[in-house]
Amino acid sequence: HPEGYAIIQALISESVIGDFRAPDILRFGFAPLYTRYVDVW
């Protein structure tokens, strides 16, 4: 998304921890040992 950085920052404030990579990439990692399907929802 063109506003990826700001979107990731807003998500972090909502306890969704993602990562940003220039110029427009929002990255999300899923640690299967402790991430639940409800966490994805």
PDB file of all heavy atoms in Angstrom:
ATOM      1  N   HIS A   1       0.876  -1.183   0.000  1.00  0.00           N
ATOM      2  CA  HIS A   1       0.000   0.000   0.000  1.00  0.00           C
ATOM      3  C   HIS A   1       0.907   1.226   0.000  1.00  0.00           C
ATOM      4  O   HIS A   1       1.931   1.239   0.687  1.00  0.00           O
ATOM      5  CB  HIS A   1      -0.897   0.007   1.242  1.00  0.00           C
ATOM      6  CG  HIS A   1      -1.959   1.051   1.183  1.00  0.00           C
ATOM      7  ND1 HIS A   1      -1.727   2.379   1.500  1.00  0.00           N
ATOM      8  CD2 HIS A   1      -3.273   0.965   0.847  1.00  0.00           C
ATOM      9  CE1 HIS A   1      -2.847   3.054   1.361  1.00  0.00           C
ATOM     10  NE2 HIS A   1      -3.799   2.241   0.968  1.00  0.00           N
ATOM     11  N   PRO A   2       0.564   2.279  -0.753  1.00  0.00           N
ATOM     12  CA  PRO A   2       1.416   3.475  -0.800  1.00  0.00           C
ATOM     13  C   PRO A   2       1.673   4.104   0.573  1.00  0.00           C
ATOM     14  O   PRO A   2       2.694   4.745   0.775  1.00  0.00           O
ATOM     15  CB  PRO A   2       0.637   4.445  -1.696  1.00  0.00           C
ATOM     16  CG  PRO A   2      -0.296   3.606  -2.484  1.00  0.00           C
ATOM     17  CD  PRO A   2      -0.597   2.395  -1.650  1.00  0.00           C
ATOM     18  N   GLU A   3       0.780   3.920   1.524  1.00  0.00           N
ATOM     19  CA  GLU A   3       0.943   4.477   2.871  1.00  0.00           C
ATOM     20  C   GLU A   3       1.303   3.385   3.876  1.00  0.00           C
ATOM     21  O   GLU A   3       0.924   3.442   5.048  1.00  0.00           O
ATOM     22  CB  GLU A   3      -0.329   5.209   3.303  1.00  0.00           C
ATOM     23  CG  GLU A   3      -0.644   6.409   2.456  1.00  0.00           C
ATOM     24  CD  GLU A   3       0.405   7.509   2.569  1.00  0.00           C
ATOM     25  OE1 GLU A   3       1.097   7.595   3.605  1.00  0.00           O
ATOM     26  OE2 GLU A   3       0.531   8.305   1.623  1.00  0.00           O
ATOM     27  N   GLY A   4       2.070   2.410   3.420  1.00  0.00           N
ATOM     28  CA  GLY A   4       2.417   1.256   4.243  1.00  0.00           C
ATOM     29  C   GLY A   4       3.037   1.594   5.580  1.00  0.00           C
ATOM     30  O   GLY A   4       2.705   0.976   6.601  1.00  0.00           O
ATOM     31  N   TYR A   5       3.928   2.567   5.607  1.00  0.00           N
ATOM     32  CA  TYR A   5       4.591   2.916   6.871  1.00  0.00           C
ATOM     33  C   TYR A   5       3.574   3.363   7.915  1.00  0.00           C
ATOM     34  O   TYR A   5       3.545   2.852   9.041  1.00  0.00           O
ATOM     35  CB  TYR A   5       5.646   3.999   6.660  1.00  0.00           C
ATOM     36  CG  TYR A   5       6.388   4.319   7.942  1.00  0.00           C
ATOM     37  CD1 TYR A   5       7.501   3.584   8.303  1.00  0.00           C
ATOM     38  CD2 TYR A   5       5.946   5.329   8.797  1.00  0.00           C
ATOM     39  CE1 TYR A   5       8.166   3.839   9.501  1.00  0.00           C
ATOM     40  CE2 TYR A   5       6.599   5.591   9.982  1.00  0.00           C
ATOM     41  CZ  TYR A   5       7.711   4.851  10.332  1.00  0.00           C
ATOM     42  OH  TYR A   5       8.354   5.105  11.515  1.00  0.00           O
ATOM     43  N   ALA A   6       2.722   4.292   7.548  1.00  0.00           N
ATOM     44  CA  ALA A   6       1.737   4.818   8.496  1.00  0.00           C
ATOM     45  C   ALA A   6       0.740   3.741   8.907  1.00  0.00           C
ATOM     46  O   ALA A   6       0.318   3.681  10.075  1.00  0.00           O
ATOM     47  CB  ALA A   6       1.002   6.013   7.881  1.00  0.00           C
ATOM     48  N   ILE A   7       0.377   2.877   7.978  1.00  0.00           N
ATOM     49  CA  ILE A   7      -0.560   1.796   8.299  1.00  0.00           C
ATOM     50  C   ILE A   7       0.058   0.849   9.329  1.00  0.00           C
ATOM     51  O   ILE A   7      -0.594   0.474  10.313  1.00  0.00           O
ATOM     52  CB  ILE A   7      -0.988   1.052   7.021  1.00  0.00           C
ATOM     53  CG1 ILE A   7      -1.801   1.980   6.128  1.00  0.00           C
ATOM     54  CG2 ILE A   7      -1.772  -0.217   7.369  1.00  0.00           C
ATOM     55  CD1 ILE A   7      -2.010   1.471   4.717  1.00  0.00           C
ATOM     56  N   ILE A   8       1.323   0.485   9.125  1.00  0.00           N
ATOM     57  CA  ILE A   8       2.002  -0.392  10.093  1.00  0.00           C
ATOM     58  C   ILE A   8       2.070   0.281  11.459  1.00  0.00           C
ATOM     59  O   ILE A   8       1.822  -0.358  12.492  1.00  0.00           O
ATOM     60  CB  ILE A   8       3.416  -0.784   9.597  1.00  0.00           C
ATOM     61  CG1 ILE A   8       3.311  -1.867   8.538  1.00  0.00           C
ATOM     62  CG2 ILE A   8       4.308  -1.237  10.739  1.00  0.00           C
ATOM     63  CD1 ILE A   8       2.840  -3.226   9.029  1.00  0.00           C
ATOM     64  N   GLN A   9       2.377   1.557  11.491  1.00  0.00           N
ATOM     65  CA  GLN A   9       2.455   2.257  12.778  1.00  0.00           C
ATOM     66  C   GLN A   9       1.090   2.266  13.477  1.00  0.00           C
ATOM     67  O   GLN A   9       1.000   2.069  14.698  1.00  0.00           O
ATOM     68  CB  GLN A   9       2.970   3.682  12.588  1.00  0.00           C
ATOM     69  CG  GLN A   9       4.391   3.756  12.071  1.00  0.00           C
ATOM     70  CD  GLN A   9       5.362   2.958  12.920  1.00  0.00           C
ATOM     71  OE1 GLN A   9       5.432   3.103  14.125  1.00  0.00           O
ATOM     72  NE2 GLN A   9       6.101   2.076  12.282  1.00  0.00           N
ATOM     73  N   ALA A  10       0.031   2.480  12.710  1.00  0.00           N
ATOM     74  CA  ALA A  10      -1.316   2.464  13.289  1.00  0.00           C
ATOM     75  C   ALA A  10      -1.660   1.065  13.796  1.00  0.00           C
ATOM     76  O   ALA A  10      -2.261   0.919  14.869  1.00  0.00           O
ATOM     77  CB  ALA A  10      -2.336   2.931  12.261  1.00  0.00           C
ATOM     78  N   LEU A  11      -1.257   0.037  13.063  1.00  0.00           N
ATOM     79  CA  LEU A  11      -1.510  -1.333  13.508  1.00  0.00           C
ATOM     80  C   LEU A  11      -0.740  -1.658  14.786  1.00  0.00           C
ATOM     81  O   LEU A  11      -1.266  -2.307  15.688  1.00  0.00           O
ATOM     82  CB  LEU A  11      -1.148  -2.330  12.411  1.00  0.00           C
ATOM     83  CG  LEU A  11      -2.133  -2.417  11.260  1.00  0.00           C
ATOM     84  CD1 LEU A  11      -1.567  -3.262  10.135  1.00  0.00           C
ATOM     85  CD2 LEU A  11      -3.472  -2.964  11.734  1.00  0.00           C
ATOM     86  N   ILE A  12       0.498  -1.204  14.857  1.00  0.00           N
ATOM     87  CA  ILE A  12       1.296  -1.432  16.070  1.00  0.00           C
ATOM     88  C   ILE A  12       0.598  -0.818  17.274  1.00  0.00           C
ATOM     89  O   ILE A  12       0.561  -1.410  18.354  1.00  0.00           O
ATOM     90  CB  ILE A  12       2.729  -0.894  15.883  1.00  0.00           C
ATOM     91  CG1 ILE A  12       3.499  -1.769  14.875  1.00  0.00           C
ATOM     92  CG2 ILE A  12       3.472  -0.842  17.229  1.00  0.00           C
ATOM     93  CD1 ILE A  12       4.834  -1.199  14.435  1.00  0.00           C
ATOM     94  N   SER A  13      -0.006   0.351  17.093  1.00  0.00           N
ATOM     95  CA  SER A  13      -0.734   0.979  18.200  1.00  0.00           C
ATOM     96  C   SER A  13      -1.963   0.164  18.604  1.00  0.00           C
ATOM     97  O   SER A  13      -2.495   0.335  19.697  1.00  0.00           O
ATOM     98  CB  SER A  13      -1.136   2.415  17.843  1.00  0.00           C
ATOM     99  OG  SER A  13      -2.259   2.424  16.998  1.00  0.00           O
ATOM    100  N   GLU A  14      -2.392  -0.731  17.717  1.00  0.00           N
ATOM    101  CA  GLU A  14      -3.536  -1.613  17.987  1.00  0.00           C
ATOM    102  C   GLU A  14      -3.074  -3.018  18.374  1.00  0.00           C
ATOM    103  O   GLU A  14      -3.842  -3.975  18.309  1.00  0.00           O
ATOM    104  CB  GLU A  14      -4.426  -1.703  16.740  1.00  0.00           C
ATOM    105  CG  GLU A  14      -5.081  -0.410  16.342  1.00  0.00           C
ATOM    106  CD  GLU A  14      -6.186  -0.022  17.305  1.00  0.00           C
ATOM    107  OE1 GLU A  14      -6.883  -0.908  17.814  1.00  0.00           O
ATOM    108  OE2 GLU A  14      -6.339   1.195  17.555  1.00  0.00           O
ATOM    109  N   SER A  15      -1.781  -3.151  18.720  1.00  0.00           N
ATOM    110  CA  SER A  15      -1.181  -4.430  19.147  1.00  0.00           C
ATOM    111  C   SER A  15      -1.080  -5.468  18.037  1.00  0.00           C
ATOM    112  O   SER A  15      -1.028  -6.662  18.309  1.00  0.00           O
ATOM    113  CB  SER A  15      -1.927  -5.012  20.350  1.00  0.00           C
ATOM    114  OG  SER A  15      -1.866  -4.117  21.429  1.00  0.00           O
ATOM    115  N   VAL A  16      -1.045  -5.028  16.791  1.00  0.00           N
ATOM    116  CA  VAL A  16      -0.754  -5.903  15.665  1.00  0.00           C
ATOM    117  C   VAL A  16       0.644  -5.515  15.203  1.00  0.00           C
ATOM    118  O   VAL A  16       0.838  -4.435  14.647  1.00  0.00           O
ATOM    119  CB  VAL A  16      -1.774  -5.756  14.515  1.00  0.00           C
ATOM    120  CG1 VAL A  16      -1.370  -6.611  13.322  1.00  0.00           C
ATOM    121  CG2 VAL A  16      -3.165  -6.116  14.997  1.00  0.00           C
ATOM    122  N   ILE A  17       1.603  -6.378  15.469  1.00  0.00           N
ATOM    123  CA  ILE A  17       2.991  -6.037  15.193  1.00  0.00           C
ATOM    124  C   ILE A  17       3.381  -6.531  13.804  1.00  0.00           C
ATOM    125  O   ILE A  17       3.482  -7.726  13.551  1.00  0.00           O
ATOM    126  CB  ILE A  17       3.934  -6.636  16.256  1.00  0.00           C
ATOM    127  CG1 ILE A  17       3.464  -6.280  17.660  1.00  0.00           C
ATOM    128  CG2 ILE A  17       5.367  -6.180  16.002  1.00  0.00           C
ATOM    129  CD1 ILE A  17       3.344  -4.796  17.946  1.00  0.00           C
ATOM    130  N   GLY A  18       3.571  -5.575  12.931  1.00  0.00           N
ATOM    131  CA  GLY A  18       4.039  -5.857  11.587  1.00  0.00           C
ATOM    132  C   GLY A  18       5.350  -5.124  11.360  1.00  0.00           C
ATOM    133  O   GLY A  18       5.927  -4.559  12.292  1.00  0.00           O
ATOM    134  N   ASP A  19       5.788  -5.129  10.144  1.00  0.00           N
ATOM    135  CA  ASP A  19       7.067  -4.516   9.800  1.00  0.00           C
ATOM    136  C   ASP A  19       6.882  -3.807   8.464  1.00  0.00           C
ATOM    137  O   ASP A  19       6.057  -4.215   7.650  1.00  0.00           O
ATOM    138  CB  ASP A  19       8.111  -5.633   9.690  1.00  0.00           C
ATOM    139  CG  ASP A  19       9.524  -5.128   9.636  1.00  0.00           C
ATOM    140  OD1 ASP A  19       9.763  -3.958   9.976  1.00  0.00           O
ATOM    141  OD2 ASP A  19      10.401  -5.899   9.246  1.00  0.00           O
ATOM    142  N   PHE A  20       7.651  -2.771   8.241  1.00  0.00           N
ATOM    143  CA  PHE A  20       7.567  -2.013   6.996  1.00  0.00           C
ATOM    144  C   PHE A  20       8.881  -2.109   6.250  1.00  0.00           C
ATOM    145  O   PHE A  20       9.964  -2.053   6.845  1.00  0.00           O
ATOM    146  CB  PHE A  20       7.257  -0.542   7.288  1.00  0.00           C
ATOM    147  CG  PHE A  20       7.327   0.324   6.063  1.00  0.00           C
ATOM    148  CD1 PHE A  20       6.301   0.307   5.139  1.00  0.00           C
ATOM    149  CD2 PHE A  20       8.425   1.135   5.831  1.00  0.00           C
ATOM    150  CE1 PHE A  20       6.369   1.095   3.989  1.00  0.00           C
ATOM    151  CE2 PHE A  20       8.499   1.919   4.697  1.00  0.00           C
ATOM    152  CZ  PHE A  20       7.475   1.899   3.770  1.00  0.00           C
ATOM    153  N   ARG A  21       8.804  -2.238   4.936  1.00  0.00           N
ATOM    154  CA  ARG A  21       9.964  -2.191   4.056  1.00  0.00           C
ATOM    155  C   ARG A  21       9.654  -1.231   2.916  1.00  0.00           C
ATOM    156  O   ARG A  21       8.610  -1.350   2.268  1.00  0.00           O
ATOM    157  CB  ARG A  21      10.301  -3.570   3.480  1.00  0.00           C
ATOM    158  CG  ARG A  21      10.794  -4.562   4.509  1.00  0.00           C
ATOM    159  CD  ARG A  21      12.178  -4.155   5.008  1.00  0.00           C
ATOM    160  NE  ARG A  21      12.713  -5.092   5.956  1.00  0.00           N
ATOM    161  CZ  ARG A  21      12.743  -4.936   7.269  1.00  0.00           C
ATOM    162  NH1 ARG A  21      12.225  -3.859   7.805  1.00  0.00           N
ATOM    163  NH2 ARG A  21      13.277  -5.834   8.063  1.00  0.00           N
ATOM    164  N   ALA A  22      10.557  -0.282   2.708  1.00  0.00           N
ATOM    165  CA  ALA A  22      10.388   0.711   1.652  1.00  0.00           C
ATOM    166  C   ALA A  22      10.340   0.011   0.293  1.00  0.00           C
ATOM    167  O   ALA A  22      11.001  -1.008   0.109  1.00  0.00           O
ATOM    168  CB  ALA A  22      11.539   1.717   1.705  1.00  0.00           C
ATOM    169  N   PRO A  23       9.572   0.538  -0.625  1.00  0.00           N
ATOM    170  CA  PRO A  23       8.844   1.792  -0.491  1.00  0.00           C
ATOM    171  C   PRO A  23       7.423   1.635   0.062  1.00  0.00           C
ATOM    172  O   PRO A  23       6.859   2.595   0.564  1.00  0.00           O
ATOM    173  CB  PRO A  23       8.791   2.309  -1.930  1.00  0.00           C
ATOM    174  CG  PRO A  23       8.720   1.069  -2.769  1.00  0.00           C
ATOM    175  CD  PRO A  23       9.560   0.043  -2.020  1.00  0.00           C
ATOM    176  N   ASP A  24       6.836   0.419  -0.023  1.00  0.00           N
ATOM    177  CA  ASP A  24       5.407   0.320   0.312  1.00  0.00           C
ATOM    178  C   ASP A  24       4.969  -1.047   0.854  1.00  0.00           C
ATOM    179  O   ASP A  24       3.813  -1.422   0.742  1.00  0.00           O
ATOM    180  CB  ASP A  24       4.570   0.661  -0.921  1.00  0.00           C
ATOM    181  CG  ASP A  24       4.832  -0.278  -2.091  1.00  0.00           C
ATOM    182  OD1 ASP A  24       5.701  -1.170  -1.990  1.00  0.00           O
ATOM    183  OD2 ASP A  24       4.163  -0.132  -3.129  1.00  0.00           O
ATOM    184  N   ILE A  25       5.892  -1.787   1.439  1.00  0.00           N
ATOM    185  CA  ILE A  25       5.604  -3.160   1.849  1.00  0.00           C
ATOM    186  C   ILE A  25       5.277  -3.259   3.341  1.00  0.00           C
ATOM    187  O   ILE A  25       6.037  -2.783   4.189  1.00  0.00           O
ATOM    188  CB  ILE A  25       6.787  -4.097   1.523  1.00  0.00           C
ATOM    189  CG1 ILE A  25       7.090  -4.082   0.021  1.00  0.00           C
ATOM    190  CG2 ILE A  25       6.531  -5.518   2.022  1.00  0.00           C
ATOM    191  CD1 ILE A  25       5.992  -4.630  -0.852  1.00  0.00           C
ATOM    192  N   LEU A  26       4.162  -3.891   3.646  1.00  0.00           N
ATOM    193  CA  LEU A  26       3.753  -4.215   5.010  1.00  0.00           C
ATOM    194  C   LEU A  26       4.022  -5.709   5.182  1.00  0.00           C
ATOM    195  O   LEU A  26       3.479  -6.518   4.428  1.00  0.00           O
ATOM    196  CB  LEU A  26       2.261  -3.959   5.222  1.00  0.00           C
ATOM    197  CG  LEU A  26       1.733  -2.544   5.028  1.00  0.00           C
ATOM    198  CD1 LEU A  26       1.409  -2.248   3.592  1.00  0.00           C
ATOM    199  CD2 LEU A  26       0.510  -2.362   5.890  1.00  0.00           C
ATOM    200  N   ARG A  27       4.875  -6.071   6.140  1.00  0.00           N
ATOM    201  CA  ARG A  27       5.214  -7.490   6.345  1.00  0.00           C
ATOM    202  C   ARG A  27       4.625  -7.990   7.653  1.00  0.00           C
ATOM    203  O   ARG A  27       4.689  -7.304   8.672  1.00  0.00           O
ATOM    204  CB  ARG A  27       6.729  -7.699   6.388  1.00  0.00           C
ATOM    205  CG  ARG A  27       7.412  -7.484   5.083  1.00  0.00           C
ATOM    206  CD  ARG A  27       8.852  -7.898   5.092  1.00  0.00           C
ATOM    207  NE  ARG A  27       9.478  -7.795   6.399  1.00  0.00           N
ATOM    208  CZ  ARG A  27      10.590  -8.414   6.744  1.00  0.00           C
ATOM    209  NH1 ARG A  27      11.213  -9.188   5.891  1.00  0.00           N
ATOM    210  NH2 ARG A  27      11.114  -8.259   7.947  1.00  0.00           N
ATOM    211  N   PHE A  28       4.111  -9.207   7.591  1.00  0.00           N
ATOM    212  CA  PHE A  28       3.547  -9.841   8.771  1.00  0.00           C
ATOM    213  C   PHE A  28       4.147 -11.237   8.895  1.00  0.00           C
ATOM    214  O   PHE A  28       4.138 -12.001   7.935  1.00  0.00           O
ATOM    215  CB  PHE A  28       2.026  -9.938   8.651  1.00  0.00           C
ATOM    216  CG  PHE A  28       1.370  -8.597   8.524  1.00  0.00           C
ATOM    217  CD1 PHE A  28       1.171  -8.024   7.279  1.00  0.00           C
ATOM    218  CD2 PHE A  28       0.990  -7.880   9.650  1.00  0.00           C
ATOM    219  CE1 PHE A  28       0.585  -6.771   7.150  1.00  0.00           C
ATOM    220  CE2 PHE A  28       0.408  -6.631   9.539  1.00  0.00           C
ATOM    221  CZ  PHE A  28       0.214  -6.078   8.286  1.00  0.00           C
ATOM    222  N   GLY A  29       4.676 -11.519  10.063  1.00  0.00           N
ATOM    223  CA  GLY A  29       5.256 -12.829  10.318  1.00  0.00           C
ATOM    224  C   GLY A  29       4.358 -13.625  11.238  1.00  0.00           C
ATOM    225  O   GLY A  29       3.751 -13.077  12.162  1.00  0.00           O
ATOM    226  N   PHE A  30       4.265 -14.906  10.987  1.00  0.00           N
ATOM    227  CA  PHE A  30       3.415 -15.782  11.781  1.00  0.00           C
ATOM    228  C   PHE A  30       4.282 -16.852  12.433  1.00  0.00           C
ATOM    229  O   PHE A  30       4.838 -17.705  11.752  1.00  0.00           O
ATOM    230  CB  PHE A  30       2.348 -16.420  10.899  1.00  0.00           C
ATOM    231  CG  PHE A  30       1.500 -15.392  10.200  1.00  0.00           C
ATOM    232  CD1 PHE A  30       1.751 -15.019   8.896  1.00  0.00           C
ATOM    233  CD2 PHE A  30       0.486 -14.761  10.888  1.00  0.00           C
ATOM    234  CE1 PHE A  30       0.994 -14.054   8.273  1.00  0.00           C
ATOM    235  CE2 PHE A  30      -0.286 -13.788  10.271  1.00  0.00           C
ATOM    236  CZ  PHE A  30      -0.033 -13.432   8.966  1.00  0.00           C
ATOM    237  N   ALA A  31       4.403 -16.780  13.737  1.00  0.00           N
ATOM    238  CA  ALA A  31       5.166 -17.764  14.506  1.00  0.00           C
ATOM    239  C   ALA A  31       4.209 -18.901  14.861  1.00  0.00           C
ATOM    240  O   ALA A  31       3.413 -18.769  15.796  1.00  0.00           O
ATOM    241  CB  ALA A  31       5.752 -17.125  15.758  1.00  0.00           C
ATOM    242  N   PRO A  32       4.261 -19.995  14.127  1.00  0.00           N
ATOM    243  CA  PRO A  32       3.246 -21.032  14.284  1.00  0.00           C
ATOM    244  C   PRO A  32       3.250 -21.738  15.643  1.00  0.00           C
ATOM    245  O   PRO A  32       2.247 -22.349  16.002  1.00  0.00           O
ATOM    246  CB  PRO A  32       3.552 -22.011  13.156  1.00  0.00           C
ATOM    247  CG  PRO A  32       4.942 -21.721  12.746  1.00  0.00           C
ATOM    248  CD  PRO A  32       5.207 -20.288  13.068  1.00  0.00           C
ATOM    249  N   LEU A  33       4.314 -21.625  16.388  1.00  0.00           N
ATOM    250  CA  LEU A  33       4.339 -22.284  17.693  1.00  0.00           C
ATOM    251  C   LEU A  33       3.417 -21.605  18.698  1.00  0.00           C
ATOM    252  O   LEU A  33       2.930 -22.234  19.630  1.00  0.00           O
ATOM    253  CB  LEU A  33       5.763 -22.341  18.248  1.00  0.00           C
ATOM    254  CG  LEU A  33       6.714 -23.272  17.498  1.00  0.00           C
ATOM    255  CD1 LEU A  33       8.140 -23.126  18.026  1.00  0.00           C
ATOM    256  CD2 LEU A  33       6.257 -24.715  17.602  1.00  0.00           C
ATOM    257  N   TYR A  34       3.182 -20.325  18.521  1.00  0.00           N
ATOM    258  CA  TYR A  34       2.326 -19.646  19.502  1.00  0.00           C
ATOM    259  C   TYR A  34       1.305 -18.685  18.898  1.00  0.00           C
ATOM    260  O   TYR A  34       0.490 -18.123  19.619  1.00  0.00           O
ATOM    261  CB  TYR A  34       3.157 -18.914  20.563  1.00  0.00           C
ATOM    262  CG  TYR A  34       4.173 -17.951  20.021  1.00  0.00           C
ATOM    263  CD1 TYR A  34       3.825 -16.663  19.667  1.00  0.00           C
ATOM    264  CD2 TYR A  34       5.498 -18.333  19.864  1.00  0.00           C
ATOM    265  CE1 TYR A  34       4.762 -15.774  19.170  1.00  0.00           C
ATOM    266  CE2 TYR A  34       6.441 -17.448  19.373  1.00  0.00           C
ATOM    267  CZ  TYR A  34       6.073 -16.174  19.039  1.00  0.00           C
ATOM    268  OH  TYR A  34       7.004 -15.309  18.542  1.00  0.00           O
ATOM    269  N   THR A  35       1.296 -18.493  17.593  1.00  0.00           N
ATOM    270  CA  THR A  35       0.259 -17.671  16.970  1.00  0.00           C
ATOM    271  C   THR A  35      -0.960 -18.549  16.719  1.00  0.00           C
ATOM    272  O   THR A  35      -0.847 -19.639  16.162  1.00  0.00           O
ATOM    273  CB  THR A  35       0.747 -17.069  15.640  1.00  0.00           C
ATOM    274  OG1 THR A  35       1.901 -16.263  15.904  1.00  0.00           O
ATOM    275  CG2 THR A  35      -0.325 -16.212  14.993  1.00  0.00           C
ATOM    276  N   ARG A  36      -2.111 -18.050  17.139  1.00  0.00           N
ATOM    277  CA  ARG A  36      -3.360 -18.795  16.983  1.00  0.00           C
ATOM    278  C   ARG A  36      -4.109 -18.294  15.749  1.00  0.00           C
ATOM    279  O   ARG A  36      -3.900 -17.174  15.295  1.00  0.00           O
ATOM    280  CB  ARG A  36      -4.233 -18.608  18.233  1.00  0.00           C
ATOM    281  CG  ARG A  36      -3.526 -18.994  19.524  1.00  0.00           C
ATOM    282  CD  ARG A  36      -4.285 -18.506  20.740  1.00  0.00           C
ATOM    283  NE  ARG A  36      -4.484 -17.051  20.667  1.00  0.00           N
ATOM    284  CZ  ARG A  36      -5.357 -16.374  21.406  1.00  0.00           C
ATOM    285  NH1 ARG A  36      -6.126 -17.004  22.276  1.00  0.00           N
ATOM    286  NH2 ARG A  36      -5.478 -15.055  21.291  1.00  0.00           N
ATOM    287  N   TYR A  37      -5.004 -19.120  15.239  1.00  0.00           N
ATOM    288  CA  TYR A  37      -5.808 -18.705  14.090  1.00  0.00           C
ATOM    289  C   TYR A  37      -6.665 -17.495  14.443  1.00  0.00           C
ATOM    290  O   TYR A  37      -6.840 -16.601  13.626  1.00  0.00           O
ATOM    291  CB  TYR A  37      -6.665 -19.869  13.579  1.00  0.00           C
ATOM    292  CG  TYR A  37      -5.834 -20.928  12.899  1.00  0.00           C
ATOM    293  CD1 TYR A  37      -5.439 -22.069  13.577  1.00  0.00           C
ATOM    294  CD2 TYR A  37      -5.411 -20.762  11.582  1.00  0.00           C
ATOM    295  CE1 TYR A  37      -4.660 -23.037  12.951  1.00  0.00           C
ATOM    296  CE2 TYR A  37      -4.628 -21.715  10.948  1.00  0.00           C
ATOM    297  CZ  TYR A  37      -4.256 -22.855  11.645  1.00  0.00           C
ATOM    298  OH  TYR A  37      -3.467 -23.787  11.032  1.00  0.00           O
ATOM    299  N   VAL A  38      -7.153 -17.432  15.659  1.00  0.00           N
ATOM    300  CA  VAL A  38      -7.953 -16.274  16.077  1.00  0.00           C
ATOM    301  C   VAL A  38      -7.104 -14.999  16.063  1.00  0.00           C
ATOM    302  O   VAL A  38      -7.627 -13.915  15.816  1.00  0.00           O
ATOM    303  CB  VAL A  38      -8.620 -16.521  17.462  1.00  0.00           C
ATOM    304  CG1 VAL A  38      -7.604 -16.518  18.580  1.00  0.00           C
ATOM    305  CG2 VAL A  38      -9.710 -15.496  17.723  1.00  0.00           C
ATOM    306  N   ASP A  39      -5.801 -15.126  16.294  1.00  0.00           N
ATOM    307  CA  ASP A  39      -4.913 -13.957  16.217  1.00  0.00           C
ATOM    308  C   ASP A  39      -4.885 -13.398  14.796  1.00  0.00           C
ATOM    309  O   ASP A  39      -4.818 -12.171  14.603  1.00  0.00           O
ATOM    310  CB  ASP A  39      -3.496 -14.323  16.659  1.00  0.00           C
ATOM    311  CG  ASP A  39      -3.422 -14.774  18.108  1.00  0.00           C
ATOM    312  OD1 ASP A  39      -4.213 -14.271  18.937  1.00  0.00           O
ATOM    313  OD2 ASP A  39      -2.563 -15.625  18.417  1.00  0.00           O
ATOM    314  N   VAL A  40      -4.937 -14.273  13.814  1.00  0.00           N
ATOM    315  CA  VAL A  40      -4.963 -13.838  12.413  1.00  0.00           C
ATOM    316  C   VAL A  40      -6.277 -13.109  12.127  1.00  0.00           C
ATOM    317  O   VAL A  40      -6.279 -12.034  11.512  1.00  0.00           O
ATOM    318  CB  VAL A  40      -4.763 -15.038  11.463  1.00  0.00           C
ATOM    319  CG1 VAL A  40      -4.962 -14.631  10.011  1.00  0.00           C
ATOM    320  CG2 VAL A  40      -3.383 -15.650  11.669  1.00  0.00           C
ATOM    321  N   TRP A  41      -7.386 -13.669  12.571  1.00  0.00           N
ATOM    322  CA  TRP A  41      -8.688 -13.009  12.406  1.00  0.00           C
ATOM    323  C   TRP A  41      -8.660 -11.623  13.050  1.00  0.00           C
ATOM    324  O   TRP A  41      -9.108 -10.644  12.449  1.00  0.00           O
ATOM    325  CB  TRP A  41      -9.798 -13.843  13.036  1.00  0.00           C
ATOM    326  CG  TRP A  41     -10.253 -14.982  12.190  1.00  0.00           C
ATOM    327  CD1 TRP A  41      -9.747 -16.250  12.183  1.00  0.00           C
ATOM    328  CD2 TRP A  41     -11.304 -14.981  11.224  1.00  0.00           C
ATOM    329  NE1 TRP A  41     -10.413 -17.022  11.278  1.00  0.00           N
ATOM    330  CE2 TRP A  41     -11.381 -16.278  10.676  1.00  0.00           C
ATOM    331  CE3 TRP A  41     -12.187 -14.001  10.782  1.00  0.00           C
ATOM    332  CZ2 TRP A  41     -12.311 -16.608   9.702  1.00  0.00           C
ATOM    333  CZ3 TRP A  41     -13.120 -14.337   9.812  1.00  0.00           C
ATOM    334  CH2 TRP A  41     -13.174 -15.632   9.283  1.00  0.00           C
TER     335      TRP A  41
END
